[in-house]
Structure formats: structure tokens, C-alpha cells
Amino acid sequence: MPFKSEAQRRKFAAMVKKGEITQKTFDEWNAETPKNIPERKKPKTLKQMKAIARKKLGK
């Protein structure tokens, strides 16, 4: 599963240092990640969140 942002990549690198995940897992994800990824993933808008909630409630 590739990283979605540089911030996520840094978070997982810190998790490797803490021993929460293995270096092998990090390397696999890093290999699958494209070179151009955003610094941060944009959050969903309020309109998108409402549409998701309507789908879940079946309306």
C-alpha cells in the first residue's frame, strides 16, 4: 500500500525508529509510492462529508 503524502511517510519512518513497524514493511510501502506525492493530503470538504454520511444512513 503506497504512502499518500510526505507527512505520512515521515510518520511511518518515526514508527520504524520506535519499533512499532518493521523496516521491511516501510521499505515495501516506500517502493510502491510514486515519486510525486503531496506534502499533506487535503482533508475532505464539508459537502463531501455530508454526502458520505447520507450514503451510510441510506438516504
PDB file of N, CA and C in Angstrom:
ATOM      1  N   MET A   1       0.856  -1.173   0.000  1.00  0.00           N
ATOM      2  CA  MET A   1       0.000   0.000   0.000  1.00  0.00           C
ATOM      3  C   MET A   1       0.902   1.235   0.000  1.00  0.00           C
ATOM      4  N   PRO A   2       0.806   2.084  -0.994  1.00  0.00           N
ATOM      5  CA  PRO A   2       1.706   3.240  -1.070  1.00  0.00           C
ATOM      6  C   PRO A   2       1.309   4.363  -0.110  1.00  0.00           C
ATOM      7  N   PHE A   3       2.290   5.211   0.208  1.00  0.00           N
ATOM      8  CA  PHE A   3       2.026   6.385   1.037  1.00  0.00           C
ATOM      9  C   PHE A   3       1.198   7.378   0.242  1.00  0.00           C
ATOM     10  N   LYS A   4       0.371   8.162   0.948  1.00  0.00           N
ATOM     11  CA  LYS A   4      -0.467   9.158   0.291  1.00  0.00           C
ATOM     12  C   LYS A   4       0.103  10.563   0.395  1.00  0.00           C
ATOM     13  N   SER A   5       1.060  10.761   1.321  1.00  0.00           N
ATOM     14  CA  SER A   5       1.665  12.089   1.470  1.00  0.00           C
ATOM     15  C   SER A   5       3.045  11.954   2.104  1.00  0.00           C
ATOM     16  N   GLU A   6       3.817  13.029   1.980  1.00  0.00           N
ATOM     17  CA  GLU A   6       5.145  13.049   2.598  1.00  0.00           C
ATOM     18  C   GLU A   6       5.021  13.022   4.120  1.00  0.00           C
ATOM     19  N   ALA A   7       3.993  13.653   4.647  1.00  0.00           N
ATOM     20  CA  ALA A   7       3.786  13.656   6.091  1.00  0.00           C
ATOM     21  C   ALA A   7       3.555  12.229   6.602  1.00  0.00           C
ATOM     22  N   GLN A   8       2.802  11.447   5.846  1.00  0.00           N
ATOM     23  CA  GLN A   8       2.557  10.062   6.233  1.00  0.00           C
ATOM     24  C   GLN A   8       3.860   9.255   6.174  1.00  0.00           C
ATOM     25  N   ARG A   9       4.670   9.519   5.180  1.00  0.00           N
ATOM     26  CA  ARG A   9       5.951   8.819   5.053  1.00  0.00           C
ATOM     27  C   ARG A   9       6.838   9.112   6.274  1.00  0.00           C
ATOM     28  N   ARG A  10       6.885  10.387   6.696  1.00  0.00           N
ATOM     29  CA  ARG A  10       7.674  10.755   7.874  1.00  0.00           C
ATOM     30  C   ARG A  10       7.132  10.089   9.135  1.00  0.00           C
ATOM     31  N   LYS A  11       5.813  10.018   9.263  1.00  0.00           N
ATOM     32  CA  LYS A  11       5.190   9.386  10.428  1.00  0.00           C
ATOM     33  C   LYS A  11       5.593   7.911  10.507  1.00  0.00           C
ATOM     34  N   PHE A  12       5.550   7.222   9.393  1.00  0.00           N
ATOM     35  CA  PHE A  12       5.908   5.808   9.383  1.00  0.00           C
ATOM     36  C   PHE A  12       7.406   5.612   9.626  1.00  0.00           C
ATOM     37  N   ALA A  13       8.236   6.535   9.162  1.00  0.00           N
ATOM     38  CA  ALA A  13       9.673   6.451   9.438  1.00  0.00           C
ATOM     39  C   ALA A  13       9.923   6.578  10.937  1.00  0.00           C
ATOM     40  N   ALA A  14       9.168   7.458  11.590  1.00  0.00           N
ATOM     41  CA  ALA A  14       9.292   7.598  13.043  1.00  0.00           C
ATOM     42  C   ALA A  14       8.817   6.328  13.748  1.00  0.00           C
ATOM     43  N   MET A  15       7.779   5.693  13.207  1.00  0.00           N
ATOM     44  CA  MET A  15       7.273   4.448  13.792  1.00  0.00           C
ATOM     45  C   MET A  15       8.314   3.328  13.674  1.00  0.00           C
ATOM     46  N   VAL A  16       9.087   3.332  12.591  1.00  0.00           N
ATOM     47  CA  VAL A  16      10.155   2.343  12.428  1.00  0.00           C
ATOM     48  C   VAL A  16      11.204   2.548  13.517  1.00  0.00           C
ATOM     49  N   LYS A  17      11.573   3.799  13.755  1.00  0.00           N
ATOM     50  CA  LYS A  17      12.579   4.094  14.777  1.00  0.00           C
ATOM     51  C   LYS A  17      12.113   3.674  16.169  1.00  0.00           C
ATOM     52  N   LYS A  18      10.805   3.798  16.428  1.00  0.00           N
ATOM     53  CA  LYS A  18      10.246   3.397  17.725  1.00  0.00           C
ATOM     54  C   LYS A  18      10.062   1.886  17.829  1.00  0.00           C
ATOM     55  N   GLY A  19      10.126   1.203  16.686  1.00  0.00           N
ATOM     56  CA  GLY A  19       9.945  -0.242  16.697  1.00  0.00           C
ATOM     57  C   GLY A  19       8.494  -0.674  16.575  1.00  0.00           C
ATOM     58  N   GLU A  20       7.606   0.243  16.192  1.00  0.00           N
ATOM     59  CA  GLU A  20       6.186  -0.066  16.066  1.00  0.00           C
ATOM     60  C   GLU A  20       5.865  -0.826  14.782  1.00  0.00           C
ATOM     61  N   ILE A  21       6.660  -0.599  13.731  1.00  0.00           N
ATOM     62  CA  ILE A  21       6.541  -1.367  12.485  1.00  0.00           C
ATOM     63  C   ILE A  21       7.950  -1.772  12.056  1.00  0.00           C
ATOM     64  N   THR A  22       8.021  -2.725  11.140  1.00  0.00           N
ATOM     65  CA  THR A  22       9.335  -3.202  10.710  1.00  0.00           C
ATOM     66  C   THR A  22       9.885  -2.358   9.567  1.00  0.00           C
ATOM     67  N   GLN A  23      11.190  -2.388   9.425  1.00  0.00           N
ATOM     68  CA  GLN A  23      11.853  -1.687   8.320  1.00  0.00           C
ATOM     69  C   GLN A  23      11.412  -2.288   6.994  1.00  0.00           C
ATOM     70  N   LYS A  24      11.186  -3.599   6.963  1.00  0.00           N
ATOM     71  CA  LYS A  24      10.760  -4.285   5.744  1.00  0.00           C
ATOM     72  C   LYS A  24       9.417  -3.737   5.256  1.00  0.00           C
ATOM     73  N   THR A  25       8.476  -3.556   6.178  1.00  0.00           N
ATOM     74  CA  THR A  25       7.164  -3.012   5.816  1.00  0.00           C
ATOM     75  C   THR A  25       7.310  -1.604   5.252  1.00  0.00           C
ATOM     76  N   PHE A  26       8.111  -0.782   5.914  1.00  0.00           N
ATOM     77  CA  PHE A  26       8.332   0.587   5.449  1.00  0.00           C
ATOM     78  C   PHE A  26       8.934   0.588   4.047  1.00  0.00           C
ATOM     79  N   ASP A  27       9.928  -0.263   3.818  1.00  0.00           N
ATOM     80  CA  ASP A  27      10.584  -0.325   2.514  1.00  0.00           C
ATOM     81  C   ASP A  27       9.617  -0.779   1.416  1.00  0.00           C
ATOM     82  N   GLU A  28       8.742  -1.730   1.728  1.00  0.00           N
ATOM     83  CA  GLU A  28       7.754  -2.193   0.742  1.00  0.00           C
ATOM     84  C   GLU A  28       6.811  -1.062   0.354  1.00  0.00           C
ATOM     85  N   TRP A  29       6.304  -0.341   1.353  1.00  0.00           N
ATOM     86  CA  TRP A  29       5.395   0.774   1.084  1.00  0.00           C
ATOM     87  C   TRP A  29       6.120   1.866   0.299  1.00  0.00           C
ATOM     88  N   ASN A  30       7.361   2.135   0.663  1.00  0.00           N
ATOM     89  CA  ASN A  30       8.127   3.182   0.005  1.00  0.00           C
ATOM     90  C   ASN A  30       8.385   2.837  -1.465  1.00  0.00           C
ATOM     91  N   ALA A  31       8.614   1.567  -1.753  1.00  0.00           N
ATOM     92  CA  ALA A  31       8.864   1.137  -3.135  1.00  0.00           C
ATOM     93  C   ALA A  31       7.614   1.299  -4.001  1.00  0.00           C
ATOM     94  N   GLU A  32       6.438   1.134  -3.412  1.00  0.00           N
ATOM     95  CA  GLU A  32       5.183   1.240  -4.161  1.00  0.00           C
ATOM     96  C   GLU A  32       4.721   2.690  -4.337  1.00  0.00           C
ATOM     97  N   THR A  33       5.320   3.613  -3.601  1.00  0.00           N
ATOM     98  CA  THR A  33       4.898   5.010  -3.619  1.00  0.00           C
ATOM     99  C   THR A  33       5.486   5.743  -4.821  1.00  0.00           C
ATOM    100  N   PRO A  34       4.643   6.498  -5.564  1.00  0.00           N
ATOM    101  CA  PRO A  34       5.177   7.291  -6.675  1.00  0.00           C
ATOM    102  C   PRO A  34       6.079   8.414  -6.165  1.00  0.00           C
ATOM    103  N   LYS A  35       6.884   8.959  -7.043  1.00  0.00           N
ATOM    104  CA  LYS A  35       7.850   9.998  -6.643  1.00  0.00           C
ATOM    105  C   LYS A  35       7.165  11.306  -6.260  1.00  0.00           C
ATOM    106  N   ASN A  36       6.129  11.703  -6.991  1.00  0.00           N
ATOM    107  CA  ASN A  36       5.442  12.970  -6.728  1.00  0.00           C
ATOM    108  C   ASN A  36       4.197  12.743  -5.890  1.00  0.00           C
ATOM    109  N   ILE A  37       4.325  12.967  -4.591  1.00  0.00           N
ATOM    110  CA  ILE A  37       3.158  12.907  -3.718  1.00  0.00           C
ATOM    111  C   ILE A  37       3.090  14.229  -2.961  1.00  0.00           C
ATOM    112  N   PRO A  38       1.895  14.654  -2.553  1.00  0.00           N
ATOM    113  CA  PRO A  38       1.770  15.948  -1.879  1.00  0.00           C
ATOM    114  C   PRO A  38       2.405  15.938  -0.492  1.00  0.00           C
ATOM    115  N   GLU A  39       2.728  17.125  -0.010  1.00  0.00           N
ATOM    116  CA  GLU A  39       3.262  17.258   1.345  1.00  0.00           C
ATOM    117  C   GLU A  39       2.221  16.780   2.355  1.00  0.00           C
ATOM    118  N   ARG A  40       1.001  17.218   2.161  1.00  0.00           N
ATOM    119  CA  ARG A  40      -0.121  16.792   3.016  1.00  0.00           C
ATOM    120  C   ARG A  40      -1.322  16.485   2.136  1.00  0.00           C
ATOM    121  N   LYS A  41      -2.076  15.479   2.526  1.00  0.00           N
ATOM    122  CA  LYS A  41      -3.288  15.141   1.801  1.00  0.00           C
ATOM    123  C   LYS A  41      -4.371  16.127   2.215  1.00  0.00           C
ATOM    124  N   LYS A  42      -5.100  16.647   1.244  1.00  0.00           N
ATOM    125  CA  LYS A  42      -6.138  17.625   1.548  1.00  0.00           C
ATOM    126  C   LYS A  42      -7.305  16.949   2.271  1.00  0.00           C
ATOM    127  N   PRO A  43      -7.815  17.570   3.322  1.00  0.00           N
ATOM    128  CA  PRO A  43      -8.967  16.977   4.014  1.00  0.00           C
ATOM    129  C   PRO A  43     -10.220  17.068   3.149  1.00  0.00           C
ATOM    130  N   LYS A  44     -11.187  16.218   3.432  1.00  0.00           N
ATOM    131  CA  LYS A  44     -12.439  16.243   2.696  1.00  0.00           C
ATOM    132  C   LYS A  44     -13.213  17.489   3.074  1.00  0.00           C
ATOM    133  N   THR A  45     -13.978  18.006   2.119  1.00  0.00           N
ATOM    134  CA  THR A  45     -14.782  19.190   2.378  1.00  0.00           C
ATOM    135  C   THR A  45     -16.032  18.794   3.148  1.00  0.00           C
ATOM    136  N   LEU A  46     -16.714  19.772   3.711  1.00  0.00           N
ATOM    137  CA  LEU A  46     -17.940  19.533   4.452  1.00  0.00           C
ATOM    138  C   LEU A  46     -18.993  18.905   3.535  1.00  0.00           C
ATOM    139  N   LYS A  47     -19.049  19.358   2.299  1.00  0.00           N
ATOM    140  CA  LYS A  47     -20.009  18.819   1.331  1.00  0.00           C
ATOM    141  C   LYS A  47     -19.743  17.329   1.088  1.00  0.00           C
ATOM    142  N   GLN A  48     -18.470  16.958   0.944  1.00  0.00           N
ATOM    143  CA  GLN A  48     -18.120  15.554   0.738  1.00  0.00           C
ATOM    144  C   GLN A  48     -18.475  14.714   1.964  1.00  0.00           C
ATOM    145  N   MET A  49     -18.239  15.251   3.152  1.00  0.00           N
ATOM    146  CA  MET A  49     -18.543  14.523   4.382  1.00  0.00           C
ATOM    147  C   MET A  49     -20.041  14.288   4.533  1.00  0.00           C
ATOM    148  N   LYS A  50     -20.848  15.277   4.177  1.00  0.00           N
ATOM    149  CA  LYS A  50     -22.303  15.126   4.256  1.00  0.00           C
ATOM    150  C   LYS A  50     -22.787  14.055   3.284  1.00  0.00           C
ATOM    151  N   ALA A  51     -22.204  14.026   2.087  1.00  0.00           N
ATOM    152  CA  ALA A  51     -22.589  13.018   1.096  1.00  0.00           C
ATOM    153  C   ALA A  51     -22.240  11.604   1.591  1.00  0.00           C
ATOM    154  N   ILE A  52     -21.110  11.453   2.223  1.00  0.00           N
ATOM    155  CA  ILE A  52     -20.704  10.167   2.780  1.00  0.00           C
ATOM    156  C   ILE A  52     -21.672   9.744   3.883  1.00  0.00           C
ATOM    157  N   ALA A  53     -22.031  10.696   4.755  1.00  0.00           N
ATOM    158  CA  ALA A  53     -22.958  10.397   5.847  1.00  0.00           C
ATOM    159  C   ALA A  53     -24.327   9.979   5.302  1.00  0.00           C
ATOM    160  N   ARG A  54     -24.790  10.660   4.249  1.00  0.00           N
ATOM    161  CA  ARG A  54     -26.089  10.287   3.652  1.00  0.00           C
ATOM    162  C   ARG A  54     -26.050   8.878   3.096  1.00  0.00           C
ATOM    163  N   LYS A  55     -24.953   8.502   2.456  1.00  0.00           N
ATOM    164  CA  LYS A  55     -24.814   7.146   1.912  1.00  0.00           C
ATOM    165  C   LYS A  55     -24.877   6.105   3.017  1.00  0.00           C
ATOM    166  N   LYS A  56     -24.183   6.384   4.118  1.00  0.00           N
ATOM    167  CA  LYS A  56     -24.143   5.443   5.230  1.00  0.00           C
ATOM    168  C   LYS A  56     -25.494   5.290   5.889  1.00  0.00           C
ATOM    169  N   LEU A  57     -26.280   6.377   5.928  1.00  0.00           N
ATOM    170  CA  LEU A  57     -27.594   6.329   6.550  1.00  0.00           C
ATOM    171  C   LEU A  57     -28.661   5.818   5.577  1.00  0.00           C
ATOM    172  N   GLY A  58     -28.302   5.685   4.328  1.00  0.00           N
ATOM    173  CA  GLY A  58     -29.229   5.163   3.332  1.00  0.00           C
ATOM    174  C   GLY A  58     -30.251   6.165   2.842  1.00  0.00           C
ATOM    175  N   LYS A  59     -29.907   7.429   2.867  1.00  0.00           N
ATOM    176  CA  LYS A  59     -30.845   8.481   2.409  1.00  0.00           C
ATOM    177  C   LYS A  59     -30.494   8.942   1.030  1.00  0.00           C
TER     178      LYS A  59
END
